[in-house]
Amino acid sequence: MKLYTIDTGFFKLDGGAMFGVVPKTMWQKLNEPDSNNMCTWAMRCLLIEKGNRLVLIDTGMGNKQDDKFRSHYIPHGEDTLKKSLKKHGFHPTDITDVFLTHLHFDHCGDAVELDKNGKARLTFPNAIYWSSAKHWDWALDPNPREKASFLKENILPIAEAGQLKFIENETLGLDGFTTYFVNGHTESMMVCDIDVNGQVVSYAADLIPSRHHIKMPYVMAYDIRPLDTLTEKAIYLERAYENNHILMFEHDKDVECGSLKRTEKGIVFDKSLRISDL
């Protein structure tokens, strides 16, 4: 099994929303905001190669949204999903599976693209797209708090193409790949562990979006059940530390992944690592 980091660019989100109840006097030292209180975040995906399978975890935002939408989130940077795949010698038609941790636009936006006539089509025409049945239903009938994060143009074409499967009903069938469900950030978000020759990489998605969110009080204001996030994060970190997992951070603008250590203040970030070094 081989892993490849797939960088899809950066975007901006409100610092207060990303750090929740943590005061700005503290979080601004971790991710410096601009004059509008916006901080830069990565959209970092992961590609798994095993035998004849190429499994892509999340897809980033894509570029099919209009200028008004883009002005809210300011996507930027040279990296794109297709450029990153090409850098590693792959093409979208090579992808066999797309594993969507959840359906917020910054995680699934590039699952669907527009052709030259403006018609929606799947970015990965030969892939099975994997989601959670509970989360899929949640995304199609969103609550007012999350409504802006669930865009039907990112979601419905997958089902219409007949290439959607749900993890609850079937298994991905990939040895060394384990899925867990968490409900603090959004209903039935999926996180996963990938065993690479005995070294487990934990893809935490928005349970722990950056290394700064390892600390227990650092819970995003976007989370629908923040107290559940605290419980889920504590369980997740304990398992990761006890089993020497490497955590991959989907949104950390500077650090791709890292190890953990235990201190008198609890489990904290230890060393910065890269997938290419494993």
C-alpha atoms as a PDB file:
ATOM      1  CA  MET A   1       0.000   0.000   0.000  1.00  0.00           C
ATOM      2  CA  LYS A   2       1.249   3.484  -0.900  1.00  0.00           C
ATOM      3  CA  LEU A   3      -0.091   6.853   0.201  1.00  0.00           C
ATOM      4  CA  TYR A   4       0.116  10.159  -1.674  1.00  0.00           C
ATOM      5  CA  THR A   5      -0.749  13.611  -0.372  1.00  0.00           C
ATOM      6  CA  ILE A   6      -3.138  15.359  -2.750  1.00  0.00           C
ATOM      7  CA  ASP A   7      -3.060  19.111  -2.200  1.00  0.00           C
ATOM      8  CA  THR A   8      -5.985  20.996  -3.737  1.00  0.00           C
ATOM      9  CA  GLY A   9      -5.183  24.563  -2.690  1.00  0.00           C
ATOM     10  CA  PHE A  10      -6.092  26.895   0.147  1.00  0.00           C
ATOM     11  CA  PHE A  11      -9.140  28.861   1.225  1.00  0.00           C
ATOM     12  CA  LYS A  12     -10.082  31.226   4.023  1.00  0.00           C
ATOM     13  CA  LEU A  13     -12.480  30.882   6.934  1.00  0.00           C
ATOM     14  CA  ASP A  14     -13.300  33.152   9.846  1.00  0.00           C
ATOM     15  CA  GLY A  15     -10.802  32.615  12.637  1.00  0.00           C
ATOM     16  CA  GLY A  16     -13.389  32.824  15.372  1.00  0.00           C
ATOM     17  CA  ALA A  17     -15.519  30.177  13.681  1.00  0.00           C
ATOM     18  CA  MET A  18     -12.542  27.856  13.319  1.00  0.00           C
ATOM     19  CA  PHE A  19     -11.359  28.191  16.917  1.00  0.00           C
ATOM     20  CA  GLY A  20     -14.724  28.387  18.689  1.00  0.00           C
ATOM     21  CA  VAL A  21     -14.604  29.579  22.290  1.00  0.00           C
ATOM     22  CA  VAL A  22     -10.826  30.096  22.276  1.00  0.00           C
ATOM     23  CA  PRO A  23     -10.112  33.857  22.485  1.00  0.00           C
ATOM     24  CA  LYS A  24      -8.583  35.628  19.521  1.00  0.00           C
ATOM     25  CA  THR A  25      -5.698  36.782  21.714  1.00  0.00           C
ATOM     26  CA  MET A  26      -4.676  33.114  21.821  1.00  0.00           C
ATOM     27  CA  TRP A  27      -5.571  31.693  18.406  1.00  0.00           C
ATOM     28  CA  GLN A  28      -4.172  34.579  16.365  1.00  0.00           C
ATOM     29  CA  LYS A  29      -0.692  33.430  17.409  1.00  0.00           C
ATOM     30  CA  LEU A  30      -1.408  30.052  15.762  1.00  0.00           C
ATOM     31  CA  ASN A  31      -2.930  31.192  12.472  1.00  0.00           C
ATOM     32  CA  GLU A  32      -2.579  34.900  11.829  1.00  0.00           C
ATOM     33  CA  PRO A  33      -5.807  36.462  10.513  1.00  0.00           C
ATOM     34  CA  ASP A  34      -6.093  39.092   7.810  1.00  0.00           C
ATOM     35  CA  SER A  35      -7.842  42.435   8.296  1.00  0.00           C
ATOM     36  CA  ASN A  36     -11.222  40.703   7.916  1.00  0.00           C
ATOM     37  CA  ASN A  37     -10.456  38.125  10.611  1.00  0.00           C
ATOM     38  CA  MET A  38     -10.042  35.424   7.953  1.00  0.00           C
ATOM     39  CA  CYS A  39      -7.393  32.728   8.311  1.00  0.00           C
ATOM     40  CA  THR A  40      -5.856  30.544   5.613  1.00  0.00           C
ATOM     41  CA  TRP A  41      -6.527  26.793   5.639  1.00  0.00           C
ATOM     42  CA  ALA A  42      -5.448  23.925   3.426  1.00  0.00           C
ATOM     43  CA  MET A  43      -7.679  21.470   1.572  1.00  0.00           C
ATOM     44  CA  ARG A  44      -5.494  18.368   1.771  1.00  0.00           C
ATOM     45  CA  CYS A  45      -6.738  15.058   0.425  1.00  0.00           C
ATOM     46  CA  LEU A  46      -5.170  11.595   0.478  1.00  0.00           C
ATOM     47  CA  LEU A  47      -4.738   8.974  -2.244  1.00  0.00           C
ATOM     48  CA  ILE A  48      -4.322   5.293  -1.383  1.00  0.00           C
ATOM     49  CA  GLU A  49      -2.797   2.916  -3.919  1.00  0.00           C
ATOM     50  CA  LYS A  50      -3.177  -0.786  -3.254  1.00  0.00           C
ATOM     51  CA  GLY A  51      -3.030  -3.355  -6.035  1.00  0.00           C
ATOM     52  CA  ASN A  52      -5.437  -2.239  -8.735  1.00  0.00           C
ATOM     53  CA  ARG A  53      -7.291   0.118  -6.372  1.00  0.00           C
ATOM     54  CA  LEU A  54      -6.815   3.874  -6.185  1.00  0.00           C
ATOM     55  CA  VAL A  55      -8.885   5.314  -3.344  1.00  0.00           C
ATOM     56  CA  LEU A  56      -9.142   9.111  -3.033  1.00  0.00           C
ATOM     57  CA  ILE A  57     -10.206  10.511   0.339  1.00  0.00           C
ATOM     58  CA  ASP A  58     -12.101  13.789  -0.156  1.00  0.00           C
ATOM     59  CA  THR A  59     -11.752  16.079  -3.158  1.00  0.00           C
ATOM     60  CA  GLY A  60     -11.391  19.689  -2.020  1.00  0.00           C
ATOM     61  CA  MET A  61     -13.644  22.526  -3.145  1.00  0.00           C
ATOM     62  CA  GLY A  62     -13.340  22.478  -6.931  1.00  0.00           C
ATOM     63  CA  ASN A  63     -13.891  25.546  -9.088  1.00  0.00           C
ATOM     64  CA  LYS A  64     -17.459  25.417 -10.355  1.00  0.00           C
ATOM     65  CA  GLN A  65     -18.906  27.963  -7.908  1.00  0.00           C
ATOM     66  CA  ASP A  66     -19.615  31.550  -8.945  1.00  0.00           C
ATOM     67  CA  ASP A  67     -17.606  34.660  -8.062  1.00  0.00           C
ATOM     68  CA  LYS A  68     -19.902  35.593  -5.166  1.00  0.00           C
ATOM     69  CA  PHE A  69     -19.340  32.213  -3.520  1.00  0.00           C
ATOM     70  CA  ARG A  70     -15.592  32.444  -4.098  1.00  0.00           C
ATOM     71  CA  SER A  71     -15.504  35.916  -2.543  1.00  0.00           C
ATOM     72  CA  HIS A  72     -16.748  34.418   0.741  1.00  0.00           C
ATOM     73  CA  TYR A  73     -14.043  31.740   0.945  1.00  0.00           C
ATOM     74  CA  ILE A  74     -11.236  33.135  -1.240  1.00  0.00           C
ATOM     75  CA  PRO A  75      -9.823  29.915  -2.721  1.00  0.00           C
ATOM     76  CA  HIS A  76      -6.199  30.432  -3.756  1.00  0.00           C
ATOM     77  CA  GLY A  77      -2.885  28.730  -4.400  1.00  0.00           C
ATOM     78  CA  GLU A  78      -1.290  26.912  -7.317  1.00  0.00           C
ATOM     79  CA  ASP A  79      -2.331  23.375  -6.353  1.00  0.00           C
ATOM     80  CA  THR A  80      -5.458  21.740  -7.739  1.00  0.00           C
ATOM     81  CA  LEU A  81      -6.801  18.224  -7.450  1.00  0.00           C
ATOM     82  CA  LYS A  82      -5.928  17.290 -11.019  1.00  0.00           C
ATOM     83  CA  LYS A  83      -2.472  18.886 -10.843  1.00  0.00           C
ATOM     84  CA  SER A  84      -1.669  16.936  -7.691  1.00  0.00           C
ATOM     85  CA  LEU A  85      -2.864  13.666  -9.201  1.00  0.00           C
ATOM     86  CA  LYS A  86      -0.776  14.318 -12.310  1.00  0.00           C
ATOM     87  CA  LYS A  87       2.293  15.065 -10.194  1.00  0.00           C
ATOM     88  CA  HIS A  88       2.083  11.525  -8.847  1.00  0.00           C
ATOM     89  CA  GLY A  89       1.440  10.025 -12.288  1.00  0.00           C
ATOM     90  CA  PHE A  90      -2.323   9.567 -12.041  1.00  0.00           C
ATOM     91  CA  HIS A  91      -5.372  10.751 -14.005  1.00  0.00           C
ATOM     92  CA  PRO A  92      -8.963  11.150 -12.787  1.00  0.00           C
ATOM     93  CA  THR A  93     -10.000   8.168 -14.912  1.00  0.00           C
ATOM     94  CA  ASP A  94      -7.599   5.988 -12.881  1.00  0.00           C
ATOM     95  CA  ILE A  95      -9.443   6.525  -9.589  1.00  0.00           C
ATOM     96  CA  THR A  96     -11.469   3.467  -8.554  1.00  0.00           C
ATOM     97  CA  ASP A  97     -13.036   4.828  -5.346  1.00  0.00           C
ATOM     98  CA  VAL A  98     -13.788   8.237  -3.847  1.00  0.00           C
ATOM     99  CA  PHE A  99     -14.305   8.159  -0.080  1.00  0.00           C
ATOM    100  CA  LEU A 100     -16.132  11.289   1.092  1.00  0.00           C
ATOM    101  CA  THR A 101     -15.682  11.885   4.807  1.00  0.00           C
ATOM    102  CA  HIS A 102     -18.670  14.241   4.682  1.00  0.00           C
ATOM    103  CA  LEU A 103     -20.458  16.442   2.195  1.00  0.00           C
ATOM    104  CA  HIS A 104     -19.485  19.981   3.200  1.00  0.00           C
ATOM    105  CA  PHE A 105     -18.409  21.816   0.048  1.00  0.00           C
ATOM    106  CA  ASP A 106     -14.707  21.993   0.933  1.00  0.00           C
ATOM    107  CA  HIS A 107     -14.569  18.203   1.177  1.00  0.00           C
ATOM    108  CA  CYS A 108     -16.654  17.098  -1.801  1.00  0.00           C
ATOM    109  CA  GLY A 109     -16.847  20.063  -4.203  1.00  0.00           C
ATOM    110  CA  ASP A 110     -14.494  18.576  -6.787  1.00  0.00           C
ATOM    111  CA  ALA A 111     -16.306  15.238  -6.813  1.00  0.00           C
ATOM    112  CA  VAL A 112     -18.418  16.839  -9.546  1.00  0.00           C
ATOM    113  CA  GLU A 113     -17.201  19.179 -12.290  1.00  0.00           C
ATOM    114  CA  LEU A 114     -18.728  21.073 -15.197  1.00  0.00           C
ATOM    115  CA  ASP A 115     -18.069  20.139 -18.809  1.00  0.00           C
ATOM    116  CA  LYS A 116     -17.412  22.778 -21.497  1.00  0.00           C
ATOM    117  CA  ASN A 117     -21.184  23.259 -21.886  1.00  0.00           C
ATOM    118  CA  GLY A 118     -21.708  23.860 -18.183  1.00  0.00           C
ATOM    119  CA  LYS A 119     -23.296  20.468 -17.563  1.00  0.00           C
ATOM    120  CA  ALA A 120     -22.449  18.567 -14.377  1.00  0.00           C
ATOM    121  CA  ARG A 121     -20.461  15.354 -14.678  1.00  0.00           C
ATOM    122  CA  LEU A 122     -18.472  13.206 -12.289  1.00  0.00           C
ATOM    123  CA  THR A 123     -14.818  14.202 -12.024  1.00  0.00           C
ATOM    124  CA  PHE A 124     -13.954  10.524 -11.594  1.00  0.00           C
ATOM    125  CA  PRO A 125     -16.101   8.702 -14.148  1.00  0.00           C
ATOM    126  CA  ASN A 126     -14.829   5.202 -13.307  1.00  0.00           C
ATOM    127  CA  ALA A 127     -15.037   5.493  -9.521  1.00  0.00           C
ATOM    128  CA  ILE A 128     -17.478   4.308  -6.919  1.00  0.00           C
ATOM    129  CA  TYR A 129     -18.317   7.191  -4.581  1.00  0.00           C
ATOM    130  CA  TRP A 130     -18.630   6.198  -0.911  1.00  0.00           C
ATOM    131  CA  SER A 131     -20.665   8.121   1.648  1.00  0.00           C
ATOM    132  CA  SER A 132     -22.640   7.491   4.816  1.00  0.00           C
ATOM    133  CA  ALA A 133     -26.353   6.830   4.326  1.00  0.00           C
ATOM    134  CA  LYS A 134     -27.242   8.825   7.438  1.00  0.00           C
ATOM    135  CA  HIS A 135     -25.041  11.708   6.433  1.00  0.00           C
ATOM    136  CA  TRP A 136     -26.329  11.662   2.849  1.00  0.00           C
ATOM    137  CA  ASP A 137     -29.918  12.091   4.062  1.00  0.00           C
ATOM    138  CA  TRP A 138     -28.733  14.784   6.479  1.00  0.00           C
ATOM    139  CA  ALA A 139     -27.058  16.707   3.654  1.00  0.00           C
ATOM    140  CA  LEU A 140     -30.095  16.560   1.364  1.00  0.00           C
ATOM    141  CA  ASP A 141     -32.365  18.021   4.041  1.00  0.00           C
ATOM    142  CA  PRO A 142     -29.990  20.341   5.895  1.00  0.00           C
ATOM    143  CA  ASN A 143     -30.654  22.266   9.065  1.00  0.00           C
ATOM    144  CA  PRO A 144     -30.428  26.070   8.795  1.00  0.00           C
ATOM    145  CA  ARG A 145     -27.066  26.115  10.570  1.00  0.00           C
ATOM    146  CA  GLU A 146     -25.357  23.880   7.998  1.00  0.00           C
ATOM    147  CA  LYS A 147     -27.375  24.714   4.915  1.00  0.00           C
ATOM    148  CA  ALA A 148     -24.685  26.912   3.357  1.00  0.00           C
ATOM    149  CA  SER A 149     -22.168  24.055   3.556  1.00  0.00           C
ATOM    150  CA  PHE A 150     -24.275  21.502   1.657  1.00  0.00           C
ATOM    151  CA  LEU A 151     -24.555  22.346  -2.038  1.00  0.00           C
ATOM    152  CA  LYS A 152     -26.825  20.027  -4.008  1.00  0.00           C
ATOM    153  CA  GLU A 153     -24.804  20.537  -7.209  1.00  0.00           C
ATOM    154  CA  ASN A 154     -21.931  18.793  -5.400  1.00  0.00           C
ATOM    155  CA  ILE A 155     -24.071  15.895  -4.253  1.00  0.00           C
ATOM    156  CA  LEU A 156     -27.036  14.968  -6.467  1.00  0.00           C
ATOM    157  CA  PRO A 157     -25.054  14.205  -9.659  1.00  0.00           C
ATOM    158  CA  ILE A 158     -23.261  11.389  -7.818  1.00  0.00           C
ATOM    159  CA  ALA A 159     -26.496   9.554  -7.114  1.00  0.00           C
ATOM    160  CA  GLU A 160     -27.910  10.375 -10.553  1.00  0.00           C
ATOM    161  CA  ALA A 161     -24.868   8.756 -12.171  1.00  0.00           C
ATOM    162  CA  GLY A 162     -25.563   5.505 -10.302  1.00  0.00           C
ATOM    163  CA  GLN A 163     -22.075   5.424  -8.765  1.00  0.00           C
ATOM    164  CA  LEU A 164     -22.987   6.040  -5.123  1.00  0.00           C
ATOM    165  CA  LYS A 165     -22.614   3.430  -2.378  1.00  0.00           C
ATOM    166  CA  PHE A 166     -23.039   3.679   1.381  1.00  0.00           C
ATOM    167  CA  ILE A 167     -20.520   2.340   3.873  1.00  0.00           C
ATOM    168  CA  GLU A 168     -23.319   1.142   6.182  1.00  0.00           C
ATOM    169  CA  ASN A 169     -24.584  -1.206   3.454  1.00  0.00           C
ATOM    170  CA  GLU A 170     -21.341  -2.413   1.895  1.00  0.00           C
ATOM    171  CA  THR A 171     -17.669  -2.524   2.721  1.00  0.00           C
ATOM    172  CA  LEU A 172     -14.937  -0.716   0.851  1.00  0.00           C
ATOM    173  CA  GLY A 173     -13.162  -4.077   0.779  1.00  0.00           C
ATOM    174  CA  LEU A 174      -9.694  -2.633   1.274  1.00  0.00           C
ATOM    175  CA  ASP A 175      -7.495  -4.493   3.761  1.00  0.00           C
ATOM    176  CA  GLY A 176      -5.954  -2.150   6.304  1.00  0.00           C
ATOM    177  CA  PHE A 177      -8.666   0.491   5.889  1.00  0.00           C
ATOM    178  CA  THR A 178     -10.920   1.067   8.924  1.00  0.00           C
ATOM    179  CA  THR A 179     -13.817   3.520   9.080  1.00  0.00           C
ATOM    180  CA  TYR A 180     -15.222   5.221  12.183  1.00  0.00           C
ATOM    181  CA  PHE A 181     -18.327   7.403  12.491  1.00  0.00           C
ATOM    182  CA  VAL A 182     -18.368  10.611  14.540  1.00  0.00           C
ATOM    183  CA  ASN A 183     -21.251  13.008  15.052  1.00  0.00           C
ATOM    184  CA  GLY A 184     -19.907  16.161  16.672  1.00  0.00           C
ATOM    185  CA  HIS A 185     -18.950  18.117  13.558  1.00  0.00           C
ATOM    186  CA  THR A 186     -21.877  16.880  11.486  1.00  0.00           C
ATOM    187  CA  GLU A 187     -24.123  13.827  11.409  1.00  0.00           C
ATOM    188  CA  SER A 188     -22.214  10.585  10.685  1.00  0.00           C
ATOM    189  CA  MET A 189     -18.969  12.071   9.437  1.00  0.00           C
ATOM    190  CA  MET A 190     -16.472   9.346   8.550  1.00  0.00           C
ATOM    191  CA  VAL A 191     -12.850   9.296   9.662  1.00  0.00           C
ATOM    192  CA  CYS A 192     -10.480   6.484   8.808  1.00  0.00           C
ATOM    193  CA  ASP A 193      -7.303   4.655   9.723  1.00  0.00           C
ATOM    194  CA  ILE A 194      -4.987   3.335   7.012  1.00  0.00           C
ATOM    195  CA  ASP A 195      -2.451   0.646   7.960  1.00  0.00           C
ATOM    196  CA  VAL A 196       0.700   1.004   5.852  1.00  0.00           C
ATOM    197  CA  ASN A 197       3.000  -1.912   6.690  1.00  0.00           C
ATOM    198  CA  GLY A 198       2.203  -1.618  10.377  1.00  0.00           C
ATOM    199  CA  GLN A 199       2.244   2.181  10.580  1.00  0.00           C
ATOM    200  CA  VAL A 200      -1.283   3.557  10.880  1.00  0.00           C
ATOM    201  CA  VAL A 201      -2.138   6.930   9.383  1.00  0.00           C
ATOM    202  CA  SER A 202      -5.310   8.443  10.840  1.00  0.00           C
ATOM    203  CA  TYR A 203      -7.206  10.792   8.540  1.00  0.00           C
ATOM    204  CA  ALA A 204      -9.187  12.884  11.003  1.00  0.00           C
ATOM    205  CA  ALA A 205     -11.097  15.143   8.566  1.00  0.00           C
ATOM    206  CA  ASP A 206     -12.904  17.852  10.566  1.00  0.00           C
ATOM    207  CA  LEU A 207     -12.719  16.052  13.902  1.00  0.00           C
ATOM    208  CA  ILE A 208      -9.162  17.422  14.192  1.00  0.00           C
ATOM    209  CA  PRO A 209      -8.768  19.744  11.192  1.00  0.00           C
ATOM    210  CA  SER A 210      -5.337  21.075  12.195  1.00  0.00           C
ATOM    211  CA  ARG A 211      -2.639  20.369  14.741  1.00  0.00           C
ATOM    212  CA  HIS A 212      -3.968  23.283  16.794  1.00  0.00           C
ATOM    213  CA  HIS A 213      -7.278  21.453  17.247  1.00  0.00           C
ATOM    214  CA  ILE A 214      -5.649  18.597  19.148  1.00  0.00           C
ATOM    215  CA  LYS A 215      -6.068  20.624  22.339  1.00  0.00           C
ATOM    216  CA  MET A 216      -9.458  19.797  23.841  1.00  0.00           C
ATOM    217  CA  PRO A 217     -11.001  23.326  24.058  1.00  0.00           C
ATOM    218  CA  TYR A 218     -10.183  23.992  20.399  1.00  0.00           C
ATOM    219  CA  VAL A 219     -13.516  22.974  18.839  1.00  0.00           C
ATOM    220  CA  MET A 220     -14.885  24.712  15.770  1.00  0.00           C
ATOM    221  CA  ALA A 221     -17.996  26.849  16.066  1.00  0.00           C
ATOM    222  CA  TYR A 222     -19.155  25.038  12.908  1.00  0.00           C
ATOM    223  CA  ASP A 223     -19.657  21.813  14.892  1.00  0.00           C
ATOM    224  CA  ILE A 224     -23.300  20.971  15.447  1.00  0.00           C
ATOM    225  CA  ARG A 225     -22.634  19.059  18.691  1.00  0.00           C
ATOM    226  CA  PRO A 226     -19.479  20.537  20.261  1.00  0.00           C
ATOM    227  CA  LEU A 227     -19.704  18.485  23.457  1.00  0.00           C
ATOM    228  CA  ASP A 228     -19.836  15.310  21.368  1.00  0.00           C
ATOM    229  CA  THR A 229     -16.754  16.534  19.527  1.00  0.00           C
ATOM    230  CA  LEU A 230     -14.925  16.790  22.868  1.00  0.00           C
ATOM    231  CA  THR A 231     -15.805  13.195  23.745  1.00  0.00           C
ATOM    232  CA  GLU A 232     -15.028  11.859  20.266  1.00  0.00           C
ATOM    233  CA  LYS A 233     -11.750  13.728  20.103  1.00  0.00           C
ATOM    234  CA  ALA A 234     -10.628  12.385  23.480  1.00  0.00           C
ATOM    235  CA  ILE A 235     -11.353   8.795  22.416  1.00  0.00           C
ATOM    236  CA  TYR A 236      -9.733   9.279  19.024  1.00  0.00           C
ATOM    237  CA  LEU A 237      -6.563  10.841  20.429  1.00  0.00           C
ATOM    238  CA  GLU A 238      -6.159   8.217  23.126  1.00  0.00           C
ATOM    239  CA  ARG A 239      -6.407   5.415  20.572  1.00  0.00           C
ATOM    240  CA  ALA A 240      -4.024   7.225  18.231  1.00  0.00           C
ATOM    241  CA  TYR A 241      -1.444   7.875  20.936  1.00  0.00           C
ATOM    242  CA  GLU A 242      -1.576   4.382  22.451  1.00  0.00           C
ATOM    243  CA  ASN A 243      -1.112   2.792  19.030  1.00  0.00           C
ATOM    244  CA  ASN A 244       1.497   5.247  17.715  1.00  0.00           C
ATOM    245  CA  HIS A 245      -0.685   6.541  14.880  1.00  0.00           C
ATOM    246  CA  ILE A 246       0.312   9.408  12.646  1.00  0.00           C
ATOM    247  CA  LEU A 247      -2.426  12.034  12.294  1.00  0.00           C
ATOM    248  CA  MET A 248      -3.038  13.643   8.929  1.00  0.00           C
ATOM    249  CA  PHE A 249      -4.475  17.173   9.050  1.00  0.00           C
ATOM    250  CA  GLU A 250      -6.818  18.064   6.206  1.00  0.00           C
ATOM    251  CA  HIS A 251      -6.874  21.799   6.904  1.00  0.00           C
ATOM    252  CA  ASP A 252      -3.547  22.689   8.556  1.00  0.00           C
ATOM    253  CA  LYS A 253      -1.910  25.180   6.189  1.00  0.00           C
ATOM    254  CA  ASP A 254       1.631  24.365   7.342  1.00  0.00           C
ATOM    255  CA  VAL A 255       1.731  20.816   8.693  1.00  0.00           C
ATOM    256  CA  GLU A 256       0.685  17.795   6.653  1.00  0.00           C
ATOM    257  CA  CYS A 257       0.732  15.224   9.432  1.00  0.00           C
ATOM    258  CA  GLY A 258       2.351  14.558  12.767  1.00  0.00           C
ATOM    259  CA  SER A 259       2.930  12.367  15.780  1.00  0.00           C
ATOM    260  CA  LEU A 260       1.581  12.731  19.310  1.00  0.00           C
ATOM    261  CA  LYS A 261       3.052  12.756  22.805  1.00  0.00           C
ATOM    262  CA  ARG A 262       1.578  12.677  26.283  1.00  0.00           C
ATOM    263  CA  THR A 263       2.357  15.474  28.740  1.00  0.00           C
ATOM    264  CA  GLU A 264       0.974  16.604  32.078  1.00  0.00           C
ATOM    265  CA  LYS A 265      -1.485  18.678  30.048  1.00  0.00           C
ATOM    266  CA  GLY A 266      -2.690  15.637  28.106  1.00  0.00           C
ATOM    267  CA  ILE A 267      -2.023  14.398  24.590  1.00  0.00           C
ATOM    268  CA  VAL A 268      -0.451  17.092  22.409  1.00  0.00           C
ATOM    269  CA  PHE A 269       1.164  17.501  19.002  1.00  0.00           C
ATOM    270  CA  ASP A 270       4.733  16.240  18.850  1.00  0.00           C
ATOM    271  CA  LYS A 271       6.609  16.200  15.519  1.00  0.00           C
ATOM    272  CA  SER A 272       5.731  17.369  12.022  1.00  0.00           C
ATOM    273  CA  LEU A 273       5.883  14.615   9.382  1.00  0.00           C
ATOM    274  CA  ARG A 274       5.113  14.079   5.714  1.00  0.00           C
ATOM    275  CA  ILE A 275       3.357  11.188   4.023  1.00  0.00           C
ATOM    276  CA  SER A 276       6.220  10.917   1.535  1.00  0.00           C
ATOM    277  CA  ASP A 277       8.599  10.132   4.412  1.00  0.00           C
ATOM    278  CA  LEU A 278       6.698   7.064   5.620  1.00  0.00           C
END
